[in-house]
Amino acid sequence: MPTNHTTIIEFDNWLTQIEGQNLEFKTAKNSFNESKDLPDYCAALANEGGGKLILGVDPSRSVVGTKAFNETYNTLSNKLLSSLGIKIDVEELKHPKGRVLIFHIPSRPPGQPVKSTGKYRYPMRAGESLVEMDSMTLKAILNETMPA
C-alpha cells in the first residue's frame, strides 16, 4: 500500500514543472516495459537523488491515462524492491482525465549506486535520455561516505 497520497491539485502542479533529473513523464497509454524500461527509469531517478516516474502523461503534458499494469500495479513495489534493492511506492491516481501511475522513487543510499536489471547496468539521466553511468560518476558515488 503506497504511503503517498497525491492530490489532483498537487499532481496538476507537477504537470507545469520542467521534466528533468527528478521528474519523468511517459505516455505509456497501453503498456510500459516491466523488464527493461521500468527498472532503468527507476534506477536512473534513484541514482540522480530520487524523484517521480509518472505514466499516463504525453509529451505535451496532457493526461492521456494509462492501461499499463492495470491489474498488477500493486505488486510492482515488491518486484522493484527485489530487483533494485530500493523501496518504491507505486500510486494509482484516478485523475479526471484518466488513470495515472506515479512511482515515488527514493534517492540511492550514500556510496551505493542503484544497479538496474534492464538495458543499462547503472543508468543515469543525460538531458532527456537515459545513458550508462560514466566511470567518473560511478567512482564519485562509490567514494561517498555516510554523513557523520
N, C-alpha and C. Protein backbone atom coordinates (compact mmCIF):
# COMPACT_ATOMS: atom_id res chain seq x y z
N MET A 1 0.85 -1.18 0.00
CA MET A 1 0.00 0.00 0.00
C MET A 1 0.89 1.25 0.00
N PRO A 2 0.70 2.13 -0.95
CA PRO A 2 1.55 3.32 -1.00
C PRO A 2 1.35 4.21 0.21
N THR A 3 2.43 4.82 0.63
CA THR A 3 2.34 5.78 1.73
C THR A 3 2.09 7.18 1.20
N ASN A 4 2.21 7.35 -0.11
CA ASN A 4 1.98 8.65 -0.72
C ASN A 4 0.53 8.76 -1.19
N HIS A 5 -0.08 9.88 -0.94
CA HIS A 5 -1.45 10.14 -1.38
C HIS A 5 -1.44 11.49 -2.08
N THR A 6 -1.23 11.45 -3.37
CA THR A 6 -1.13 12.67 -4.16
C THR A 6 -2.52 13.23 -4.44
N THR A 7 -2.68 14.52 -4.25
CA THR A 7 -3.95 15.16 -4.59
C THR A 7 -3.93 15.55 -6.07
N ILE A 8 -5.10 15.77 -6.62
CA ILE A 8 -5.21 16.22 -8.02
C ILE A 8 -4.51 17.57 -8.18
N ILE A 9 -4.67 18.45 -7.22
CA ILE A 9 -4.03 19.78 -7.29
C ILE A 9 -2.51 19.64 -7.30
N GLU A 10 -1.98 18.80 -6.42
CA GLU A 10 -0.54 18.57 -6.37
C GLU A 10 -0.04 17.98 -7.70
N PHE A 11 -0.78 17.00 -8.21
CA PHE A 11 -0.40 16.37 -9.48
C PHE A 11 -0.43 17.39 -10.62
N ASP A 12 -1.50 18.16 -10.70
CA ASP A 12 -1.61 19.17 -11.77
C ASP A 12 -0.46 20.18 -11.69
N ASN A 13 0.03 20.46 -10.49
CA ASN A 13 1.19 21.34 -10.33
C ASN A 13 2.44 20.70 -10.94
N TRP A 14 2.60 19.39 -10.77
CA TRP A 14 3.76 18.70 -11.36
C TRP A 14 3.75 18.83 -12.87
N LEU A 15 2.55 18.86 -13.46
CA LEU A 15 2.45 18.97 -14.93
C LEU A 15 3.04 20.28 -15.45
N THR A 16 3.16 21.28 -14.59
CA THR A 16 3.71 22.57 -15.00
C THR A 16 5.22 22.65 -14.78
N GLN A 17 5.78 21.65 -14.12
CA GLN A 17 7.22 21.66 -13.83
C GLN A 17 8.02 21.12 -15.01
N ILE A 18 9.28 21.49 -15.06
CA ILE A 18 10.17 21.03 -16.12
C ILE A 18 10.59 19.60 -15.85
N GLU A 19 10.47 18.76 -16.87
CA GLU A 19 10.93 17.39 -16.76
C GLU A 19 12.45 17.43 -16.68
N GLY A 20 13.02 16.69 -15.76
CA GLY A 20 14.47 16.71 -15.59
C GLY A 20 14.94 15.48 -14.85
N GLN A 21 16.03 15.65 -14.11
CA GLN A 21 16.65 14.52 -13.43
C GLN A 21 15.74 13.87 -12.41
N ASN A 22 14.77 14.60 -11.87
CA ASN A 22 13.95 14.06 -10.80
C ASN A 22 12.47 13.94 -11.13
N LEU A 23 12.11 14.20 -12.38
CA LEU A 23 10.72 14.12 -12.79
C LEU A 23 10.66 13.62 -14.23
N GLU A 24 9.98 12.49 -14.43
CA GLU A 24 9.91 11.87 -15.76
C GLU A 24 8.46 11.51 -16.07
N PHE A 25 7.96 12.01 -17.20
CA PHE A 25 6.62 11.68 -17.67
C PHE A 25 6.73 10.73 -18.86
N LYS A 26 5.87 9.72 -18.88
CA LYS A 26 5.81 8.78 -20.00
C LYS A 26 4.36 8.60 -20.41
N THR A 27 4.12 8.56 -21.73
CA THR A 27 2.76 8.38 -22.22
C THR A 27 2.22 7.03 -21.78
N ALA A 28 2.90 5.95 -22.13
CA ALA A 28 2.56 4.59 -21.70
C ALA A 28 1.06 4.34 -21.75
N LYS A 29 0.43 4.76 -22.83
CA LYS A 29 -1.03 4.70 -22.91
C LYS A 29 -1.57 3.28 -22.73
N ASN A 30 -0.91 2.31 -23.35
CA ASN A 30 -1.38 0.93 -23.24
C ASN A 30 -0.48 0.03 -22.41
N SER A 31 0.83 0.30 -22.42
CA SER A 31 1.75 -0.56 -21.68
C SER A 31 3.06 0.17 -21.42
N PHE A 32 3.91 -0.45 -20.59
CA PHE A 32 5.25 0.05 -20.30
C PHE A 32 6.09 -1.17 -20.00
N ASN A 33 7.26 -1.28 -20.59
CA ASN A 33 8.08 -2.48 -20.48
C ASN A 33 8.56 -2.69 -19.04
N GLU A 34 8.02 -3.73 -18.41
CA GLU A 34 8.32 -4.00 -17.00
C GLU A 34 9.73 -4.54 -16.78
N SER A 35 10.28 -5.26 -17.76
CA SER A 35 11.58 -5.88 -17.54
C SER A 35 12.76 -5.00 -17.92
N LYS A 36 12.56 -4.03 -18.82
CA LYS A 36 13.68 -3.17 -19.26
C LYS A 36 13.48 -1.71 -18.85
N ASP A 37 12.43 -1.07 -19.37
CA ASP A 37 12.25 0.37 -19.15
C ASP A 37 11.97 0.72 -17.69
N LEU A 38 11.10 -0.03 -17.03
CA LEU A 38 10.72 0.31 -15.66
C LEU A 38 11.92 0.28 -14.71
N PRO A 39 12.71 -0.80 -14.67
CA PRO A 39 13.86 -0.77 -13.76
C PRO A 39 14.90 0.27 -14.14
N ASP A 40 15.10 0.52 -15.44
CA ASP A 40 16.07 1.53 -15.86
C ASP A 40 15.68 2.93 -15.40
N TYR A 41 14.43 3.32 -15.62
CA TYR A 41 13.99 4.66 -15.21
C TYR A 41 13.99 4.80 -13.69
N CYS A 42 13.56 3.77 -12.97
CA CYS A 42 13.55 3.84 -11.51
C CYS A 42 14.98 3.94 -10.97
N ALA A 43 15.90 3.13 -11.50
CA ALA A 43 17.29 3.18 -11.04
C ALA A 43 17.93 4.52 -11.39
N ALA A 44 17.68 5.03 -12.59
CA ALA A 44 18.26 6.31 -13.00
C ALA A 44 17.79 7.44 -12.09
N LEU A 45 16.50 7.47 -11.79
CA LEU A 45 15.98 8.52 -10.90
C LEU A 45 16.56 8.38 -9.49
N ALA A 46 16.70 7.14 -9.01
CA ALA A 46 17.31 6.93 -7.69
C ALA A 46 18.76 7.39 -7.70
N ASN A 47 19.48 7.09 -8.78
CA ASN A 47 20.88 7.50 -8.88
C ASN A 47 21.05 9.01 -8.99
N GLU A 48 19.99 9.71 -9.39
CA GLU A 48 20.03 11.18 -9.52
C GLU A 48 19.46 11.88 -8.28
N GLY A 49 19.21 11.13 -7.22
CA GLY A 49 18.73 11.75 -5.99
C GLY A 49 17.27 11.49 -5.67
N GLY A 50 16.62 10.64 -6.47
CA GLY A 50 15.22 10.32 -6.25
C GLY A 50 14.30 11.21 -7.07
N GLY A 51 13.05 10.80 -7.17
CA GLY A 51 12.09 11.59 -7.94
C GLY A 51 10.84 10.81 -8.24
N LYS A 52 10.19 11.19 -9.33
CA LYS A 52 8.92 10.57 -9.71
C LYS A 52 8.93 10.18 -11.18
N LEU A 53 8.48 8.96 -11.44
CA LEU A 53 8.20 8.48 -12.78
C LEU A 53 6.68 8.42 -12.87
N ILE A 54 6.13 9.11 -13.88
CA ILE A 54 4.67 9.21 -13.99
C ILE A 54 4.24 8.67 -15.34
N LEU A 55 3.38 7.65 -15.32
CA LEU A 55 2.85 7.05 -16.54
C LEU A 55 1.44 7.57 -16.79
N GLY A 56 1.15 7.87 -18.07
CA GLY A 56 -0.18 8.33 -18.44
C GLY A 56 -0.23 9.79 -18.82
N VAL A 57 0.95 10.39 -19.08
CA VAL A 57 1.04 11.80 -19.45
C VAL A 57 1.87 11.91 -20.73
N ASP A 58 1.32 12.57 -21.75
CA ASP A 58 2.03 12.66 -23.03
C ASP A 58 3.06 13.80 -23.02
N PRO A 59 3.89 13.89 -24.08
CA PRO A 59 4.95 14.92 -24.11
C PRO A 59 4.46 16.36 -23.99
N SER A 60 3.20 16.63 -24.36
CA SER A 60 2.67 17.99 -24.22
C SER A 60 2.08 18.24 -22.83
N ARG A 61 2.28 17.27 -21.94
CA ARG A 61 1.82 17.33 -20.54
C ARG A 61 0.31 17.20 -20.40
N SER A 62 -0.31 16.55 -21.36
CA SER A 62 -1.74 16.24 -21.23
C SER A 62 -1.89 14.87 -20.60
N VAL A 63 -2.82 14.75 -19.68
CA VAL A 63 -3.12 13.45 -19.10
C VAL A 63 -3.88 12.64 -20.14
N VAL A 64 -3.31 11.51 -20.55
CA VAL A 64 -3.96 10.64 -21.54
C VAL A 64 -4.42 9.33 -20.90
N GLY A 65 -3.99 9.09 -19.66
CA GLY A 65 -4.34 7.86 -18.98
C GLY A 65 -3.45 6.72 -19.42
N THR A 66 -3.39 5.68 -18.60
CA THR A 66 -2.59 4.51 -18.94
C THR A 66 -3.31 3.24 -18.54
N LYS A 67 -3.13 2.21 -19.36
CA LYS A 67 -3.62 0.87 -19.05
C LYS A 67 -2.49 0.00 -18.53
N ALA A 68 -1.28 0.57 -18.46
CA ALA A 68 -0.10 -0.19 -18.00
C ALA A 68 -0.32 -0.72 -16.59
N PHE A 69 0.00 -1.97 -16.40
CA PHE A 69 -0.07 -2.61 -15.08
C PHE A 69 -1.46 -2.44 -14.45
N ASN A 70 -2.49 -2.52 -15.29
CA ASN A 70 -3.86 -2.26 -14.84
C ASN A 70 -4.27 -3.12 -13.65
N GLU A 71 -3.96 -4.40 -13.72
CA GLU A 71 -4.37 -5.31 -12.64
C GLU A 71 -3.22 -5.63 -11.70
N THR A 72 -1.99 -5.22 -12.05
CA THR A 72 -0.82 -5.67 -11.29
C THR A 72 -0.02 -4.54 -10.65
N TYR A 73 -0.50 -3.30 -10.72
CA TYR A 73 0.32 -2.19 -10.21
C TYR A 73 0.66 -2.37 -8.74
N ASN A 74 -0.22 -3.00 -7.97
CA ASN A 74 0.01 -3.15 -6.53
C ASN A 74 1.09 -4.19 -6.21
N THR A 75 1.58 -4.94 -7.22
CA THR A 75 2.67 -5.89 -7.00
C THR A 75 4.02 -5.32 -7.41
N LEU A 76 4.02 -4.16 -8.06
CA LEU A 76 5.26 -3.61 -8.62
C LEU A 76 6.25 -3.17 -7.55
N SER A 77 5.78 -2.62 -6.44
CA SER A 77 6.69 -2.16 -5.39
C SER A 77 7.55 -3.32 -4.89
N ASN A 78 6.94 -4.47 -4.66
CA ASN A 78 7.67 -5.65 -4.19
C ASN A 78 8.64 -6.15 -5.26
N LYS A 79 8.21 -6.18 -6.52
CA LYS A 79 9.08 -6.63 -7.61
C LYS A 79 10.29 -5.71 -7.76
N LEU A 80 10.07 -4.40 -7.66
CA LEU A 80 11.17 -3.44 -7.79
C LEU A 80 12.11 -3.52 -6.58
N LEU A 81 11.57 -3.77 -5.40
CA LEU A 81 12.42 -3.95 -4.22
C LEU A 81 13.33 -5.16 -4.42
N SER A 82 12.78 -6.24 -4.95
CA SER A 82 13.57 -7.45 -5.20
C SER A 82 14.64 -7.23 -6.25
N SER A 83 14.30 -6.51 -7.32
CA SER A 83 15.26 -6.36 -8.42
C SER A 83 16.24 -5.21 -8.23
N LEU A 84 15.82 -4.11 -7.60
CA LEU A 84 16.68 -2.93 -7.47
C LEU A 84 17.23 -2.72 -6.06
N GLY A 85 16.58 -3.32 -5.08
CA GLY A 85 17.05 -3.16 -3.71
C GLY A 85 16.62 -1.86 -3.04
N ILE A 86 15.65 -1.16 -3.63
CA ILE A 86 15.11 0.05 -3.01
C ILE A 86 13.59 -0.04 -2.99
N LYS A 87 12.98 0.58 -1.98
CA LYS A 87 11.52 0.54 -1.85
C LYS A 87 10.92 1.71 -2.63
N ILE A 88 10.16 1.38 -3.64
CA ILE A 88 9.50 2.38 -4.48
C ILE A 88 8.00 2.25 -4.27
N ASP A 89 7.37 3.33 -3.85
CA ASP A 89 5.91 3.32 -3.70
C ASP A 89 5.28 3.56 -5.07
N VAL A 90 4.29 2.75 -5.39
CA VAL A 90 3.57 2.88 -6.65
C VAL A 90 2.14 3.31 -6.32
N GLU A 91 1.76 4.45 -6.84
CA GLU A 91 0.45 5.03 -6.53
C GLU A 91 -0.40 5.12 -7.79
N GLU A 92 -1.63 4.66 -7.70
CA GLU A 92 -2.59 4.82 -8.79
C GLU A 92 -3.44 6.05 -8.46
N LEU A 93 -3.43 7.01 -9.39
CA LEU A 93 -4.20 8.23 -9.20
C LEU A 93 -5.32 8.26 -10.23
N LYS A 94 -6.55 8.39 -9.76
CA LYS A 94 -7.71 8.49 -10.65
C LYS A 94 -7.92 9.96 -10.98
N HIS A 95 -7.17 10.43 -11.98
CA HIS A 95 -7.28 11.82 -12.42
C HIS A 95 -8.56 11.96 -13.24
N PRO A 96 -9.22 13.12 -13.22
CA PRO A 96 -10.44 13.29 -14.02
C PRO A 96 -10.24 13.00 -15.51
N LYS A 97 -9.01 13.15 -16.01
CA LYS A 97 -8.76 12.91 -17.44
C LYS A 97 -8.23 11.51 -17.73
N GLY A 98 -8.01 10.70 -16.69
CA GLY A 98 -7.54 9.33 -16.92
C GLY A 98 -6.71 8.80 -15.77
N ARG A 99 -6.53 7.49 -15.78
CA ARG A 99 -5.74 6.81 -14.75
C ARG A 99 -4.26 7.11 -14.95
N VAL A 100 -3.58 7.44 -13.86
CA VAL A 100 -2.15 7.76 -13.88
C VAL A 100 -1.45 6.89 -12.83
N LEU A 101 -0.26 6.41 -13.16
CA LEU A 101 0.56 5.70 -12.18
C LEU A 101 1.74 6.58 -11.81
N ILE A 102 1.98 6.72 -10.51
CA ILE A 102 3.08 7.54 -10.01
C ILE A 102 4.02 6.63 -9.23
N PHE A 103 5.27 6.59 -9.66
CA PHE A 103 6.30 5.83 -8.96
C PHE A 103 7.10 6.84 -8.12
N HIS A 104 7.00 6.72 -6.80
CA HIS A 104 7.71 7.61 -5.87
C HIS A 104 9.04 6.93 -5.55
N ILE A 105 10.13 7.46 -6.12
CA ILE A 105 11.43 6.80 -6.09
C ILE A 105 12.36 7.54 -5.12
N PRO A 106 12.88 6.82 -4.11
CA PRO A 106 13.79 7.47 -3.17
C PRO A 106 15.19 7.62 -3.77
N SER A 107 16.00 8.44 -3.13
CA SER A 107 17.40 8.57 -3.54
C SER A 107 18.16 7.29 -3.17
N ARG A 108 19.18 7.02 -3.91
CA ARG A 108 20.07 5.91 -3.58
C ARG A 108 20.75 6.22 -2.25
N PRO A 109 21.18 5.18 -1.52
CA PRO A 109 21.94 5.43 -0.28
C PRO A 109 23.31 6.02 -0.61
N PRO A 110 23.90 6.80 0.30
CA PRO A 110 25.24 7.35 0.05
C PRO A 110 26.24 6.22 -0.25
N GLY A 111 27.05 6.43 -1.27
CA GLY A 111 28.08 5.47 -1.62
C GLY A 111 27.60 4.24 -2.36
N GLN A 112 26.31 4.18 -2.70
CA GLN A 112 25.76 2.98 -3.34
C GLN A 112 24.92 3.34 -4.57
N PRO A 113 25.46 3.15 -5.76
CA PRO A 113 24.64 3.36 -6.95
C PRO A 113 23.60 2.25 -7.04
N VAL A 114 22.45 2.56 -7.64
CA VAL A 114 21.42 1.55 -7.84
C VAL A 114 21.66 0.88 -9.18
N LYS A 115 21.80 -0.43 -9.12
CA LYS A 115 22.05 -1.24 -10.32
C LYS A 115 20.71 -1.67 -10.90
N SER A 116 20.57 -1.52 -12.21
CA SER A 116 19.32 -1.89 -12.88
C SER A 116 19.39 -3.32 -13.40
N THR A 117 18.22 -3.89 -13.63
CA THR A 117 18.12 -5.21 -14.26
C THR A 117 17.63 -5.07 -15.69
N GLY A 118 17.57 -3.84 -16.19
CA GLY A 118 17.08 -3.58 -17.55
C GLY A 118 18.20 -3.53 -18.56
N LYS A 119 18.10 -2.60 -19.48
CA LYS A 119 19.08 -2.44 -20.57
C LYS A 119 20.43 -1.94 -20.06
N TYR A 120 20.40 -1.07 -19.04
CA TYR A 120 21.61 -0.46 -18.50
C TYR A 120 22.00 -1.12 -17.18
N ARG A 121 23.30 -1.12 -16.89
CA ARG A 121 23.76 -1.65 -15.61
C ARG A 121 23.55 -0.62 -14.50
N TYR A 122 24.10 0.59 -14.70
CA TYR A 122 23.91 1.70 -13.77
C TYR A 122 23.42 2.90 -14.59
N PRO A 123 22.11 3.02 -14.77
CA PRO A 123 21.59 4.11 -15.61
C PRO A 123 21.62 5.45 -14.90
N MET A 124 21.73 6.50 -15.71
CA MET A 124 21.62 7.87 -15.22
C MET A 124 20.99 8.70 -16.32
N ARG A 125 20.57 9.91 -15.97
CA ARG A 125 19.97 10.82 -16.94
C ARG A 125 21.06 11.62 -17.63
N ALA A 126 20.87 11.86 -18.91
CA ALA A 126 21.68 12.80 -19.68
C ALA A 126 20.69 13.59 -20.50
N GLY A 127 20.30 14.77 -19.99
CA GLY A 127 19.23 15.52 -20.63
C GLY A 127 17.93 14.74 -20.48
N GLU A 128 17.27 14.48 -21.60
CA GLU A 128 16.01 13.74 -21.55
C GLU A 128 16.21 12.26 -21.79
N SER A 129 17.45 11.82 -21.93
CA SER A 129 17.74 10.42 -22.25
C SER A 129 18.31 9.68 -21.05
N LEU A 130 18.22 8.36 -21.12
CA LEU A 130 18.92 7.51 -20.17
C LEU A 130 20.21 7.05 -20.84
N VAL A 131 21.28 7.00 -20.08
CA VAL A 131 22.57 6.52 -20.58
C VAL A 131 23.21 5.68 -19.48
N GLU A 132 24.23 4.93 -19.88
CA GLU A 132 25.03 4.19 -18.91
C GLU A 132 25.85 5.19 -18.10
N MET A 133 25.90 4.99 -16.80
CA MET A 133 26.66 5.89 -15.94
C MET A 133 28.13 5.85 -16.33
N ASP A 134 28.73 7.03 -16.47
CA ASP A 134 30.15 7.07 -16.83
C ASP A 134 31.00 6.71 -15.62
N SER A 135 32.24 6.32 -15.88
CA SER A 135 33.11 5.82 -14.81
C SER A 135 33.42 6.89 -13.76
N MET A 136 33.52 8.15 -14.15
CA MET A 136 33.81 9.20 -13.16
C MET A 136 32.64 9.40 -12.19
N THR A 137 31.42 9.36 -12.71
CA THR A 137 30.24 9.50 -11.84
C THR A 137 30.13 8.30 -10.91
N LEU A 138 30.34 7.10 -11.46
CA LEU A 138 30.28 5.89 -10.64
C LEU A 138 31.34 5.93 -9.54
N LYS A 139 32.55 6.34 -9.89
CA LYS A 139 33.63 6.42 -8.90
C LYS A 139 33.29 7.44 -7.82
N ALA A 140 32.72 8.59 -8.21
CA ALA A 140 32.35 9.62 -7.23
C ALA A 140 31.31 9.09 -6.25
N ILE A 141 30.34 8.33 -6.74
CA ILE A 141 29.32 7.75 -5.86
C ILE A 141 29.95 6.74 -4.91
N LEU A 142 30.79 5.86 -5.45
CA LEU A 142 31.42 4.83 -4.62
C LEU A 142 32.34 5.44 -3.55
N ASN A 143 32.88 6.62 -3.82
CA ASN A 143 33.77 7.28 -2.86
C ASN A 143 33.03 8.12 -1.82
N GLU A 144 31.70 8.23 -1.94
CA GLU A 144 30.93 8.96 -0.95
C GLU A 144 31.01 8.25 0.40
N THR A 145 30.89 9.01 1.45
CA THR A 145 30.85 8.41 2.78
C THR A 145 29.55 8.79 3.45
N MET A 146 29.19 8.01 4.43
CA MET A 146 27.98 8.30 5.20
C MET A 146 28.19 9.58 6.01
N PRO A 147 27.16 10.42 6.13
CA PRO A 147 27.31 11.62 6.95
C PRO A 147 27.57 11.26 8.41
N ALA A 148 28.37 12.07 9.08
CA ALA A 148 28.72 11.78 10.48
C ALA A 148 27.59 12.13 11.42
